[in-house]
Amino acid sequence: MNDIELYKAQTRCISHEIRNHLSICELYSEIIKKTLVKNEIKNEAIENAVNCIQRSLKIISNSLLDLKSLNNLSLSRLNLKKLLECAIEMSSAYFADKNISIIADLTDEVYVNADENKFLACIVNIIKNAIEAIDNNGQIEINSFVKKCEAHIIIRNNGRAISPEKREQIFNEGFTTKATGSGLGLHICKNNLALQKAELRLKKSDEESTEFEIILPRNA
């Protein structure tokens, strides 16, 4: 067996094992939901947590499909505000013990063509990076607006700035500003958004704030 065949075999085995465990997580998520309904328990925090888990499981499943196909893109007409609200809810798990407030000013009734899972994964990754840039106390702002025929998303944080020499490299594969980072997150985000005809760019990073912007065509 040559190196390529070995790589493919290992990929199949790892994917199989991951899918097995994903199925278990999906099963128990449904059991939790049904138990809440059966016992007439109303707990918004638990319901939101389970919904976020199930959404993350879908994103992981979608990523596993990427190992099998280079054309695993499913575009549909989606409400941008609802997408961003879902990403914010999913990202809340990363706040941990930090005192971070998140402020969202999202435009209503704007639709875009996007791959729901890939788009959400990108937004969550950028918000997660913003959280990690803030040491303990800080603020994250997420704004969306329409300019001409384009939808714009600004994700801003007042954490540590990205140094000038690193700003040109942050989207490069393998480049990271974090001690334990893989250097893949922003690289994957930029590429996946480009497949959806969206542009991801670093708008600014200084002592005041760091801002990432996503621009994509509006689907009226």
N, C-alpha and C. Protein backbone atom coordinates (compact mmCIF):
# COMPACT_ATOMS: atom_id res chain seq x y z
N MET A 1 0.85 -1.20 0.00
CA MET A 1 0.00 0.00 0.00
C MET A 1 0.89 1.25 0.00
N ASN A 2 0.70 2.12 -1.01
CA ASN A 2 1.51 3.34 -1.06
C ASN A 2 0.95 4.40 -0.11
N ASP A 3 1.65 5.54 -0.05
CA ASP A 3 1.28 6.58 0.92
C ASP A 3 -0.12 7.13 0.67
N ILE A 4 -0.48 7.31 -0.59
CA ILE A 4 -1.81 7.86 -0.91
C ILE A 4 -2.91 6.89 -0.49
N GLU A 5 -2.72 5.62 -0.81
CA GLU A 5 -3.71 4.61 -0.42
C GLU A 5 -3.82 4.50 1.09
N LEU A 6 -2.68 4.60 1.78
CA LEU A 6 -2.69 4.55 3.24
C LEU A 6 -3.44 5.75 3.82
N TYR A 7 -3.19 6.91 3.24
CA TYR A 7 -3.88 8.13 3.69
C TYR A 7 -5.39 7.99 3.51
N LYS A 8 -5.81 7.49 2.36
CA LYS A 8 -7.24 7.32 2.09
C LYS A 8 -7.87 6.32 3.06
N ALA A 9 -7.15 5.24 3.33
CA ALA A 9 -7.65 4.22 4.24
C ALA A 9 -7.80 4.77 5.65
N GLN A 10 -6.79 5.53 6.10
CA GLN A 10 -6.85 6.13 7.42
C GLN A 10 -7.98 7.16 7.52
N THR A 11 -8.16 7.91 6.46
CA THR A 11 -9.23 8.91 6.43
C THR A 11 -10.60 8.24 6.55
N ARG A 12 -10.79 7.13 5.83
CA ARG A 12 -12.06 6.41 5.90
C ARG A 12 -12.32 5.88 7.31
N CYS A 13 -11.28 5.33 7.93
CA CYS A 13 -11.43 4.77 9.27
C CYS A 13 -11.75 5.86 10.30
N ILE A 14 -11.00 6.97 10.22
CA ILE A 14 -11.23 8.06 11.16
C ILE A 14 -12.62 8.65 10.97
N SER A 15 -13.02 8.84 9.72
CA SER A 15 -14.35 9.38 9.43
C SER A 15 -15.44 8.47 9.98
N HIS A 16 -15.23 7.17 9.81
CA HIS A 16 -16.20 6.19 10.31
C HIS A 16 -16.35 6.29 11.82
N GLU A 17 -15.22 6.36 12.53
CA GLU A 17 -15.27 6.45 13.98
C GLU A 17 -15.92 7.75 14.46
N ILE A 18 -15.58 8.85 13.80
CA ILE A 18 -16.18 10.13 14.17
C ILE A 18 -17.68 10.10 13.96
N ARG A 19 -18.12 9.53 12.83
CA ARG A 19 -19.55 9.45 12.55
C ARG A 19 -20.28 8.61 13.59
N ASN A 20 -19.65 7.55 14.05
CA ASN A 20 -20.26 6.72 15.09
C ASN A 20 -20.53 7.54 16.35
N HIS A 21 -19.55 8.33 16.74
CA HIS A 21 -19.72 9.13 17.96
C HIS A 21 -20.67 10.30 17.73
N LEU A 22 -20.69 10.83 16.52
CA LEU A 22 -21.66 11.88 16.20
C LEU A 22 -23.09 11.34 16.33
N SER A 23 -23.27 10.12 15.88
CA SER A 23 -24.60 9.49 15.97
C SER A 23 -25.06 9.35 17.41
N ILE A 24 -24.10 9.00 18.29
CA ILE A 24 -24.43 8.89 19.71
C ILE A 24 -24.84 10.25 20.27
N CYS A 25 -24.08 11.29 19.92
CA CYS A 25 -24.41 12.65 20.39
C CYS A 25 -25.77 13.10 19.88
N GLU A 26 -26.05 12.80 18.61
CA GLU A 26 -27.34 13.17 18.03
C GLU A 26 -28.48 12.44 18.73
N LEU A 27 -28.26 11.16 19.02
CA LEU A 27 -29.28 10.35 19.68
C LEU A 27 -29.60 10.91 21.06
N TYR A 28 -28.57 11.18 21.85
CA TYR A 28 -28.81 11.66 23.21
C TYR A 28 -29.34 13.09 23.24
N SER A 29 -29.02 13.87 22.23
CA SER A 29 -29.60 15.21 22.12
C SER A 29 -31.11 15.12 21.94
N GLU A 30 -31.52 14.18 21.10
CA GLU A 30 -32.95 13.98 20.88
C GLU A 30 -33.63 13.43 22.14
N ILE A 31 -32.93 12.55 22.84
CA ILE A 31 -33.49 12.00 24.08
C ILE A 31 -33.72 13.11 25.11
N ILE A 32 -32.75 14.03 25.22
CA ILE A 32 -32.90 15.16 26.15
C ILE A 32 -34.12 15.99 25.77
N LYS A 33 -34.25 16.29 24.48
CA LYS A 33 -35.40 17.09 24.02
C LYS A 33 -36.72 16.40 24.34
N LYS A 34 -36.81 15.12 24.04
CA LYS A 34 -38.04 14.38 24.27
C LYS A 34 -38.35 14.26 25.75
N THR A 35 -37.29 14.14 26.57
CA THR A 35 -37.49 14.05 28.02
C THR A 35 -38.05 15.35 28.57
N LEU A 36 -37.56 16.47 28.08
CA LEU A 36 -38.06 17.77 28.51
C LEU A 36 -39.55 17.92 28.17
N VAL A 37 -39.90 17.50 26.96
CA VAL A 37 -41.30 17.59 26.53
C VAL A 37 -42.17 16.65 27.34
N LYS A 38 -41.70 15.41 27.51
CA LYS A 38 -42.47 14.40 28.23
C LYS A 38 -42.77 14.83 29.66
N ASN A 39 -41.78 15.45 30.30
CA ASN A 39 -41.94 15.85 31.70
C ASN A 39 -42.42 17.30 31.85
N GLU A 40 -42.77 17.89 30.69
CA GLU A 40 -43.29 19.26 30.67
C GLU A 40 -42.35 20.24 31.38
N ILE A 41 -41.07 20.07 31.09
CA ILE A 41 -40.05 20.94 31.67
C ILE A 41 -39.72 22.06 30.69
N LYS A 42 -39.86 23.28 31.13
CA LYS A 42 -39.53 24.43 30.31
C LYS A 42 -38.23 25.04 30.84
N ASN A 43 -37.15 24.81 30.13
CA ASN A 43 -35.86 25.36 30.54
C ASN A 43 -35.16 25.89 29.28
N GLU A 44 -35.23 27.19 29.10
CA GLU A 44 -34.72 27.81 27.88
C GLU A 44 -33.22 27.60 27.72
N ALA A 45 -32.48 27.64 28.83
CA ALA A 45 -31.03 27.46 28.76
C ALA A 45 -30.66 26.08 28.24
N ILE A 46 -31.35 25.05 28.75
CA ILE A 46 -31.07 23.68 28.29
C ILE A 46 -31.48 23.52 26.84
N GLU A 47 -32.63 24.06 26.48
CA GLU A 47 -33.11 23.94 25.10
C GLU A 47 -32.14 24.62 24.13
N ASN A 48 -31.65 25.80 24.49
CA ASN A 48 -30.69 26.50 23.64
C ASN A 48 -29.39 25.73 23.53
N ALA A 49 -28.95 25.15 24.65
CA ALA A 49 -27.71 24.37 24.65
C ALA A 49 -27.82 23.16 23.73
N VAL A 50 -28.94 22.46 23.82
CA VAL A 50 -29.14 21.27 22.97
C VAL A 50 -29.21 21.68 21.50
N ASN A 51 -29.90 22.78 21.21
CA ASN A 51 -29.98 23.25 19.83
C ASN A 51 -28.60 23.59 19.28
N CYS A 52 -27.76 24.21 20.11
CA CYS A 52 -26.39 24.54 19.69
C CYS A 52 -25.56 23.28 19.46
N ILE A 53 -25.75 22.29 20.32
CA ILE A 53 -25.04 21.01 20.14
C ILE A 53 -25.44 20.37 18.81
N GLN A 54 -26.74 20.35 18.54
CA GLN A 54 -27.21 19.72 17.31
C GLN A 54 -26.72 20.48 16.07
N ARG A 55 -26.67 21.81 16.18
CA ARG A 55 -26.16 22.60 15.05
C ARG A 55 -24.68 22.31 14.83
N SER A 56 -23.91 22.21 15.91
CA SER A 56 -22.48 21.91 15.79
C SER A 56 -22.26 20.52 15.20
N LEU A 57 -23.11 19.58 15.56
CA LEU A 57 -23.01 18.23 15.00
C LEU A 57 -23.24 18.24 13.49
N LYS A 58 -24.16 19.07 13.03
CA LYS A 58 -24.41 19.18 11.59
C LYS A 58 -23.20 19.76 10.87
N ILE A 59 -22.57 20.75 11.50
CA ILE A 59 -21.38 21.37 10.91
C ILE A 59 -20.24 20.35 10.81
N ILE A 60 -20.07 19.54 11.87
CA ILE A 60 -19.03 18.51 11.84
C ILE A 60 -19.33 17.48 10.76
N SER A 61 -20.58 17.06 10.66
CA SER A 61 -20.97 16.09 9.62
C SER A 61 -20.70 16.65 8.24
N ASN A 62 -20.99 17.93 8.06
CA ASN A 62 -20.75 18.58 6.78
C ASN A 62 -19.25 18.60 6.47
N SER A 63 -18.43 18.84 7.48
CA SER A 63 -16.98 18.88 7.28
C SER A 63 -16.45 17.50 6.90
N LEU A 64 -17.04 16.46 7.47
CA LEU A 64 -16.62 15.09 7.13
C LEU A 64 -16.93 14.78 5.66
N LEU A 65 -18.03 15.33 5.16
CA LEU A 65 -18.37 15.12 3.75
C LEU A 65 -17.32 15.74 2.84
N ASP A 66 -16.68 16.81 3.32
CA ASP A 66 -15.64 17.46 2.53
C ASP A 66 -14.47 16.52 2.26
N LEU A 67 -14.29 15.52 3.13
CA LEU A 67 -13.21 14.56 2.92
C LEU A 67 -13.50 13.65 1.73
N LYS A 68 -14.79 13.50 1.41
CA LYS A 68 -15.19 12.60 0.33
C LYS A 68 -15.36 13.32 -1.00
N SER A 69 -15.70 14.59 -0.92
CA SER A 69 -16.03 15.32 -2.15
C SER A 69 -15.44 16.72 -2.11
N LEU A 70 -14.95 17.17 -3.27
CA LEU A 70 -14.44 18.53 -3.38
C LEU A 70 -15.55 19.51 -3.74
N ASN A 71 -16.74 18.98 -3.99
CA ASN A 71 -17.86 19.82 -4.40
C ASN A 71 -19.02 19.66 -3.42
N ASN A 72 -18.72 19.84 -2.16
CA ASN A 72 -19.73 19.66 -1.12
C ASN A 72 -20.25 21.02 -0.67
N LEU A 73 -20.91 21.72 -1.58
CA LEU A 73 -21.43 23.05 -1.30
C LEU A 73 -22.92 23.05 -1.60
N SER A 74 -23.70 23.44 -0.60
CA SER A 74 -25.16 23.45 -0.75
C SER A 74 -25.68 24.86 -0.47
N LEU A 75 -25.88 25.64 -1.52
CA LEU A 75 -26.33 27.01 -1.38
C LEU A 75 -27.85 27.08 -1.31
N SER A 76 -28.33 27.95 -0.44
CA SER A 76 -29.78 28.19 -0.36
C SER A 76 -30.01 29.64 0.08
N ARG A 77 -31.23 30.11 -0.10
CA ARG A 77 -31.58 31.48 0.26
C ARG A 77 -31.87 31.52 1.76
N LEU A 78 -31.05 32.29 2.50
CA LEU A 78 -31.12 32.28 3.95
C LEU A 78 -31.27 33.71 4.49
N ASN A 79 -31.97 33.81 5.62
CA ASN A 79 -32.13 35.09 6.30
C ASN A 79 -30.85 35.40 7.06
N LEU A 80 -30.18 36.50 6.70
CA LEU A 80 -28.88 36.81 7.27
C LEU A 80 -28.97 37.06 8.78
N LYS A 81 -30.00 37.77 9.22
CA LYS A 81 -30.12 38.07 10.65
C LYS A 81 -30.25 36.79 11.46
N LYS A 82 -31.06 35.84 10.99
CA LYS A 82 -31.24 34.59 11.72
C LYS A 82 -29.95 33.77 11.75
N LEU A 83 -29.20 33.80 10.65
CA LEU A 83 -27.92 33.11 10.60
C LEU A 83 -26.96 33.66 11.66
N LEU A 84 -26.86 34.98 11.72
CA LEU A 84 -25.94 35.61 12.66
C LEU A 84 -26.38 35.39 14.10
N GLU A 85 -27.69 35.43 14.35
CA GLU A 85 -28.19 35.18 15.70
C GLU A 85 -27.86 33.75 16.13
N CYS A 86 -27.97 32.81 15.21
CA CYS A 86 -27.63 31.41 15.51
C CYS A 86 -26.14 31.29 15.82
N ALA A 87 -25.30 31.95 15.04
CA ALA A 87 -23.85 31.90 15.26
C ALA A 87 -23.47 32.50 16.61
N ILE A 88 -24.13 33.59 16.99
CA ILE A 88 -23.87 34.22 18.29
C ILE A 88 -24.24 33.27 19.42
N GLU A 89 -25.38 32.61 19.29
CA GLU A 89 -25.82 31.66 20.32
C GLU A 89 -24.83 30.51 20.44
N MET A 90 -24.35 30.00 19.31
CA MET A 90 -23.40 28.89 19.34
C MET A 90 -22.07 29.32 19.94
N SER A 91 -21.67 30.55 19.70
CA SER A 91 -20.37 31.04 20.19
C SER A 91 -20.35 31.30 21.68
N SER A 92 -21.52 31.41 22.28
CA SER A 92 -21.59 31.75 23.71
C SER A 92 -20.89 30.71 24.58
N ALA A 93 -20.72 29.50 24.07
CA ALA A 93 -20.05 28.45 24.83
C ALA A 93 -18.58 28.78 25.09
N TYR A 94 -18.00 29.67 24.28
CA TYR A 94 -16.58 29.99 24.40
C TYR A 94 -16.31 31.10 25.42
N PHE A 95 -17.35 31.71 25.96
CA PHE A 95 -17.14 32.83 26.86
C PHE A 95 -16.52 32.40 28.18
N ALA A 96 -16.82 31.19 28.62
CA ALA A 96 -16.26 30.62 29.86
C ALA A 96 -16.36 31.62 31.00
N ASP A 97 -15.24 31.92 31.66
CA ASP A 97 -15.25 32.80 32.83
C ASP A 97 -14.95 34.26 32.47
N LYS A 98 -14.89 34.57 31.21
CA LYS A 98 -14.59 35.94 30.80
C LYS A 98 -15.82 36.84 30.93
N ASN A 99 -15.55 38.08 31.23
CA ASN A 99 -16.62 39.07 31.34
C ASN A 99 -16.71 39.83 30.01
N ILE A 100 -17.39 39.23 29.06
CA ILE A 100 -17.48 39.79 27.71
C ILE A 100 -18.93 40.05 27.37
N SER A 101 -19.20 41.24 26.90
CA SER A 101 -20.55 41.55 26.41
C SER A 101 -20.53 41.51 24.90
N ILE A 102 -21.62 41.04 24.32
CA ILE A 102 -21.73 40.99 22.86
C ILE A 102 -22.94 41.82 22.44
N ILE A 103 -22.70 42.74 21.54
CA ILE A 103 -23.74 43.66 21.08
C ILE A 103 -23.97 43.41 19.60
N ALA A 104 -25.22 43.16 19.23
CA ALA A 104 -25.55 42.88 17.84
C ALA A 104 -26.54 43.92 17.30
N ASP A 105 -26.17 44.50 16.19
CA ASP A 105 -27.06 45.42 15.49
C ASP A 105 -27.21 44.88 14.07
N LEU A 106 -28.28 44.10 13.87
CA LEU A 106 -28.43 43.32 12.65
C LEU A 106 -29.60 43.82 11.83
N THR A 107 -29.36 44.01 10.55
CA THR A 107 -30.41 44.48 9.67
C THR A 107 -31.47 43.40 9.45
N ASP A 108 -32.72 43.83 9.30
CA ASP A 108 -33.84 42.90 9.15
C ASP A 108 -34.09 42.55 7.68
N GLU A 109 -34.69 41.39 7.48
CA GLU A 109 -35.22 40.96 6.18
C GLU A 109 -34.21 41.08 5.04
N VAL A 110 -32.98 40.68 5.29
CA VAL A 110 -31.98 40.60 4.23
C VAL A 110 -31.65 39.14 4.00
N TYR A 111 -31.69 38.72 2.76
CA TYR A 111 -31.42 37.32 2.42
C TYR A 111 -30.16 37.21 1.57
N VAL A 112 -29.44 36.11 1.77
CA VAL A 112 -28.22 35.85 1.01
C VAL A 112 -28.23 34.40 0.55
N ASN A 113 -27.44 34.11 -0.48
CA ASN A 113 -27.23 32.73 -0.90
C ASN A 113 -25.99 32.20 -0.18
N ALA A 114 -26.18 31.19 0.63
CA ALA A 114 -25.05 30.68 1.40
C ALA A 114 -25.25 29.21 1.73
N ASP A 115 -24.14 28.54 2.02
CA ASP A 115 -24.17 27.19 2.57
C ASP A 115 -24.31 27.36 4.08
N GLU A 116 -25.45 26.99 4.62
CA GLU A 116 -25.77 27.29 6.02
C GLU A 116 -24.69 26.80 6.99
N ASN A 117 -24.30 25.56 6.86
CA ASN A 117 -23.33 24.99 7.81
C ASN A 117 -21.95 25.62 7.67
N LYS A 118 -21.49 25.78 6.43
CA LYS A 118 -20.17 26.38 6.23
C LYS A 118 -20.16 27.85 6.64
N PHE A 119 -21.23 28.57 6.36
CA PHE A 119 -21.31 29.98 6.72
C PHE A 119 -21.30 30.13 8.25
N LEU A 120 -22.11 29.33 8.93
CA LEU A 120 -22.15 29.37 10.39
C LEU A 120 -20.78 29.04 10.99
N ALA A 121 -20.13 28.04 10.44
CA ALA A 121 -18.81 27.64 10.96
C ALA A 121 -17.82 28.79 10.87
N CYS A 122 -17.88 29.56 9.78
CA CYS A 122 -16.97 30.69 9.60
C CYS A 122 -17.27 31.80 10.62
N ILE A 123 -18.54 32.14 10.78
CA ILE A 123 -18.90 33.20 11.72
C ILE A 123 -18.52 32.80 13.15
N VAL A 124 -18.80 31.57 13.52
CA VAL A 124 -18.45 31.08 14.87
C VAL A 124 -16.94 31.15 15.07
N ASN A 125 -16.17 30.78 14.05
CA ASN A 125 -14.71 30.81 14.18
C ASN A 125 -14.19 32.23 14.40
N ILE A 126 -14.76 33.19 13.69
CA ILE A 126 -14.32 34.58 13.83
C ILE A 126 -14.70 35.13 15.20
N ILE A 127 -15.90 34.80 15.67
CA ILE A 127 -16.31 35.24 17.01
C ILE A 127 -15.43 34.59 18.07
N LYS A 128 -15.14 33.32 17.90
CA LYS A 128 -14.26 32.60 18.84
C LYS A 128 -12.89 33.27 18.91
N ASN A 129 -12.34 33.65 17.76
CA ASN A 129 -11.06 34.35 17.74
C ASN A 129 -11.15 35.68 18.49
N ALA A 130 -12.28 36.36 18.32
CA ALA A 130 -12.48 37.64 19.01
C ALA A 130 -12.50 37.44 20.52
N ILE A 131 -13.16 36.37 20.95
CA ILE A 131 -13.22 36.06 22.39
C ILE A 131 -11.83 35.77 22.92
N GLU A 132 -11.05 35.01 22.16
CA GLU A 132 -9.70 34.65 22.60
C GLU A 132 -8.76 35.86 22.62
N ALA A 133 -9.06 36.89 21.82
CA ALA A 133 -8.23 38.09 21.79
C ALA A 133 -8.45 38.97 23.02
N ILE A 134 -9.55 38.73 23.71
CA ILE A 134 -9.88 39.50 24.91
C ILE A 134 -9.40 38.73 26.14
N ASP A 135 -8.58 39.36 26.96
CA ASP A 135 -8.01 38.67 28.11
C ASP A 135 -9.08 38.30 29.15
N ASN A 136 -9.78 39.27 29.66
CA ASN A 136 -10.81 38.98 30.67
C ASN A 136 -12.08 39.81 30.46
N ASN A 137 -11.91 41.10 30.29
CA ASN A 137 -13.05 41.98 30.14
C ASN A 137 -13.02 42.65 28.77
N GLY A 138 -14.17 42.69 28.13
CA GLY A 138 -14.18 43.32 26.82
C GLY A 138 -15.54 43.28 26.17
N GLN A 139 -15.54 43.66 24.90
CA GLN A 139 -16.81 43.76 24.18
C GLN A 139 -16.62 43.32 22.73
N ILE A 140 -17.63 42.64 22.23
CA ILE A 140 -17.66 42.23 20.83
C ILE A 140 -18.91 42.84 20.20
N GLU A 141 -18.74 43.47 19.06
CA GLU A 141 -19.87 44.05 18.35
C GLU A 141 -20.02 43.36 17.00
N ILE A 142 -21.26 43.03 16.66
CA ILE A 142 -21.55 42.42 15.37
C ILE A 142 -22.61 43.26 14.69
N ASN A 143 -22.25 43.81 13.54
CA ASN A 143 -23.17 44.66 12.79
C ASN A 143 -23.37 44.10 11.39
N SER A 144 -24.58 44.21 10.89
CA SER A 144 -24.84 43.87 9.50
C SER A 144 -25.65 44.99 8.87
N PHE A 145 -25.35 45.27 7.62
CA PHE A 145 -26.07 46.31 6.91
C PHE A 145 -25.97 46.05 5.41
N VAL A 146 -26.78 46.76 4.66
CA VAL A 146 -26.81 46.61 3.20
C VAL A 146 -26.26 47.87 2.55
N LYS A 147 -25.38 47.68 1.59
CA LYS A 147 -24.82 48.78 0.81
C LYS A 147 -24.91 48.41 -0.65
N LYS A 148 -25.77 49.14 -1.36
CA LYS A 148 -26.08 48.82 -2.76
C LYS A 148 -26.65 47.40 -2.83
N CYS A 149 -26.00 46.51 -3.56
CA CYS A 149 -26.53 45.15 -3.70
C CYS A 149 -25.76 44.14 -2.85
N GLU A 150 -25.01 44.65 -1.88
CA GLU A 150 -24.18 43.78 -1.06
C GLU A 150 -24.58 43.83 0.40
N ALA A 151 -24.46 42.68 1.05
CA ALA A 151 -24.65 42.60 2.50
C ALA A 151 -23.28 42.64 3.16
N HIS A 152 -23.15 43.45 4.20
CA HIS A 152 -21.88 43.59 4.92
C HIS A 152 -22.05 43.12 6.36
N ILE A 153 -21.05 42.42 6.86
CA ILE A 153 -21.03 41.99 8.26
C ILE A 153 -19.72 42.47 8.87
N ILE A 154 -19.81 43.19 9.97
CA ILE A 154 -18.63 43.64 10.69
C ILE A 154 -18.60 42.94 12.05
N ILE A 155 -17.48 42.28 12.35
CA ILE A 155 -17.29 41.66 13.66
C ILE A 155 -16.11 42.36 14.31
N ARG A 156 -16.39 43.07 15.40
CA ARG A 156 -15.41 43.95 16.02
C ARG A 156 -15.16 43.53 17.48
N ASN A 157 -13.91 43.58 17.91
CA ASN A 157 -13.61 43.32 19.32
C ASN A 157 -12.57 44.32 19.81
N ASN A 158 -12.56 44.57 21.11
CA ASN A 158 -11.60 45.51 21.67
C ASN A 158 -10.49 44.80 22.45
N GLY A 159 -10.13 43.61 21.96
CA GLY A 159 -9.06 42.84 22.58
C GLY A 159 -7.69 43.22 22.02
N ARG A 160 -6.75 42.31 22.14
CA ARG A 160 -5.38 42.56 21.68
C ARG A 160 -5.35 42.79 20.17
N ALA A 161 -4.56 43.76 19.75
CA ALA A 161 -4.44 44.06 18.33
C ALA A 161 -3.52 43.04 17.64
N ILE A 162 -3.70 42.88 16.35
CA ILE A 162 -2.82 42.05 15.53
C ILE A 162 -1.68 42.95 15.04
N SER A 163 -0.46 42.55 15.26
CA SER A 163 0.68 43.40 14.91
C SER A 163 0.74 43.63 13.40
N PRO A 164 1.26 44.78 12.97
CA PRO A 164 1.30 45.12 11.54
C PRO A 164 1.97 44.05 10.68
N GLU A 165 3.06 43.46 11.18
CA GLU A 165 3.78 42.47 10.39
C GLU A 165 3.01 41.16 10.21
N LYS A 166 2.00 40.95 11.06
CA LYS A 166 1.22 39.71 10.98
C LYS A 166 -0.09 39.88 10.20
N ARG A 167 -0.51 41.11 9.98
CA ARG A 167 -1.81 41.35 9.35
C ARG A 167 -1.89 40.81 7.92
N GLU A 168 -0.78 40.85 7.22
CA GLU A 168 -0.76 40.38 5.83
C GLU A 168 -0.73 38.85 5.73
N GLN A 169 -0.49 38.18 6.86
CA GLN A 169 -0.30 36.73 6.82
C GLN A 169 -1.43 35.94 7.48
N ILE A 170 -2.39 36.61 8.12
CA ILE A 170 -3.33 35.89 8.96
C ILE A 170 -4.23 34.91 8.20
N PHE A 171 -4.37 35.10 6.88
CA PHE A 171 -5.19 34.18 6.11
C PHE A 171 -4.37 33.08 5.44
N ASN A 172 -3.07 33.09 5.67
CA ASN A 172 -2.20 32.07 5.09
C ASN A 172 -2.34 30.75 5.84
N GLU A 173 -2.34 29.67 5.10
CA GLU A 173 -2.43 28.34 5.72
C GLU A 173 -1.24 28.10 6.64
N GLY A 174 -1.55 27.70 7.88
CA GLY A 174 -0.49 27.38 8.83
C GLY A 174 -0.01 28.55 9.66
N PHE A 175 -0.44 29.78 9.33
CA PHE A 175 0.01 30.94 10.10
C PHE A 175 -0.95 31.19 11.26
N THR A 176 -0.40 31.38 12.45
CA THR A 176 -1.24 31.63 13.62
C THR A 176 -0.58 32.65 14.54
N THR A 177 -1.40 33.40 15.25
CA THR A 177 -0.90 34.35 16.25
C THR A 177 -1.03 33.77 17.65
N LYS A 178 -1.56 32.53 17.75
CA LYS A 178 -1.80 31.91 19.05
C LYS A 178 -0.77 30.81 19.32
N ALA A 179 -0.39 30.66 20.58
CA ALA A 179 0.63 29.68 20.95
C ALA A 179 0.22 28.26 20.60
N THR A 180 -1.08 27.96 20.72
CA THR A 180 -1.56 26.60 20.45
C THR A 180 -2.42 26.53 19.21
N GLY A 181 -2.37 27.54 18.36
CA GLY A 181 -3.22 27.56 17.16
C GLY A 181 -2.68 26.67 16.05
N SER A 182 -3.59 26.26 15.15
CA SER A 182 -3.19 25.42 14.02
C SER A 182 -2.91 26.25 12.77
N GLY A 183 -3.40 27.49 12.74
CA GLY A 183 -3.22 28.32 11.56
C GLY A 183 -4.12 27.93 10.41
N LEU A 184 -5.21 27.23 10.72
CA LEU A 184 -6.13 26.78 9.67
C LEU A 184 -7.47 27.51 9.69
N GLY A 185 -7.87 28.02 10.86
CA GLY A 185 -9.21 28.57 11.01
C GLY A 185 -9.56 29.66 10.01
N LEU A 186 -8.79 30.76 10.00
CA LEU A 186 -9.09 31.87 9.10
C LEU A 186 -8.83 31.51 7.64
N HIS A 187 -7.84 30.65 7.42
CA HIS A 187 -7.56 30.18 6.05
C HIS A 187 -8.76 29.43 5.48
N ILE A 188 -9.33 28.53 6.28
CA ILE A 188 -10.50 27.77 5.85
C ILE A 188 -11.70 28.69 5.68
N CYS A 189 -11.87 29.62 6.63
CA CYS A 189 -12.99 30.56 6.55
C CYS A 189 -12.95 31.35 5.25
N LYS A 190 -11.80 31.90 4.94
CA LYS A 190 -11.67 32.73 3.73
C LYS A 190 -11.98 31.92 2.48
N ASN A 191 -11.46 30.68 2.41
CA ASN A 191 -11.70 29.84 1.24
C ASN A 191 -13.15 29.41 1.13
N ASN A 192 -13.75 29.01 2.25
CA ASN A 192 -15.15 28.58 2.21
C ASN A 192 -16.08 29.74 1.87
N LEU A 193 -15.79 30.92 2.38
CA LEU A 193 -16.62 32.08 2.04
C LEU A 193 -16.44 32.46 0.58
N ALA A 194 -15.24 32.33 0.05
CA ALA A 194 -15.00 32.63 -1.36
C ALA A 194 -15.83 31.72 -2.26
N LEU A 195 -15.99 30.46 -1.85
CA LEU A 195 -16.83 29.53 -2.61
C LEU A 195 -18.29 29.98 -2.64
N GLN A 196 -18.66 30.77 -1.63
CA GLN A 196 -20.03 31.29 -1.54
C GLN A 196 -20.13 32.72 -2.08
N LYS A 197 -19.09 33.10 -2.87
CA LYS A 197 -19.01 34.44 -3.48
C LYS A 197 -18.97 35.54 -2.43
N ALA A 198 -18.39 35.23 -1.28
CA ALA A 198 -18.25 36.20 -0.19
C ALA A 198 -16.77 36.49 0.04
N GLU A 199 -16.48 37.70 0.45
CA GLU A 199 -15.10 38.12 0.71
C GLU A 199 -14.91 38.35 2.21
N LEU A 200 -13.86 37.77 2.76
CA LEU A 200 -13.49 38.00 4.16
C LEU A 200 -12.21 38.79 4.18
N ARG A 201 -12.21 39.90 4.94
CA ARG A 201 -10.99 40.70 5.03
C ARG A 201 -10.83 41.30 6.42
N LEU A 202 -9.60 41.56 6.77
CA LEU A 202 -9.30 42.29 8.00
C LEU A 202 -9.40 43.77 7.68
N LYS A 203 -10.38 44.42 8.28
CA LYS A 203 -10.61 45.83 7.97
C LYS A 203 -9.66 46.73 8.73
N LYS A 204 -9.41 46.42 10.01
CA LYS A 204 -8.47 47.22 10.81
C LYS A 204 -8.08 46.44 12.05
N SER A 205 -6.95 46.81 12.64
CA SER A 205 -6.54 46.25 13.93
C SER A 205 -5.57 47.21 14.56
N ASP A 206 -6.02 47.88 15.62
CA ASP A 206 -5.18 48.81 16.34
C ASP A 206 -5.51 48.73 17.83
N GLU A 207 -5.00 49.65 18.61
CA GLU A 207 -5.22 49.61 20.06
C GLU A 207 -6.68 49.78 20.43
N GLU A 208 -7.46 50.40 19.54
CA GLU A 208 -8.88 50.62 19.81
C GLU A 208 -9.72 49.38 19.55
N SER A 209 -9.52 48.75 18.39
CA SER A 209 -10.33 47.57 18.05
C SER A 209 -9.75 46.82 16.86
N THR A 210 -10.21 45.58 16.73
CA THR A 210 -9.91 44.76 15.55
C THR A 210 -11.22 44.45 14.86
N GLU A 211 -11.26 44.66 13.54
CA GLU A 211 -12.50 44.48 12.79
C GLU A 211 -12.28 43.57 11.59
N PHE A 212 -13.12 42.53 11.51
CA PHE A 212 -13.18 41.69 10.32
C PHE A 212 -14.47 42.01 9.59
N GLU A 213 -14.39 41.99 8.27
CA GLU A 213 -15.58 42.30 7.47
C GLU A 213 -15.84 41.19 6.46
N ILE A 214 -17.09 40.83 6.31
CA ILE A 214 -17.53 39.87 5.29
C ILE A 214 -18.48 40.61 4.36
N ILE A 215 -18.24 40.50 3.07
CA ILE A 215 -19.08 41.13 2.06
C ILE A 215 -19.59 40.04 1.13
N LEU A 216 -20.89 39.99 0.91
CA LEU A 216 -21.45 38.99 0.01
C LEU A 216 -22.67 39.57 -0.72
N PRO A 217 -22.98 39.02 -1.89
CA PRO A 217 -24.12 39.53 -2.65
C PRO A 217 -25.42 39.35 -1.91
N ARG A 218 -26.29 40.32 -2.02
CA ARG A 218 -27.61 40.24 -1.39
C ARG A 218 -28.57 39.53 -2.33
N ASN A 219 -29.38 38.65 -1.77
CA ASN A 219 -30.45 38.01 -2.53
C ASN A 219 -31.75 38.67 -2.11
N ALA A 220 -32.23 39.60 -2.92
CA ALA A 220 -33.39 40.42 -2.54
C ALA A 220 -34.65 39.56 -2.38
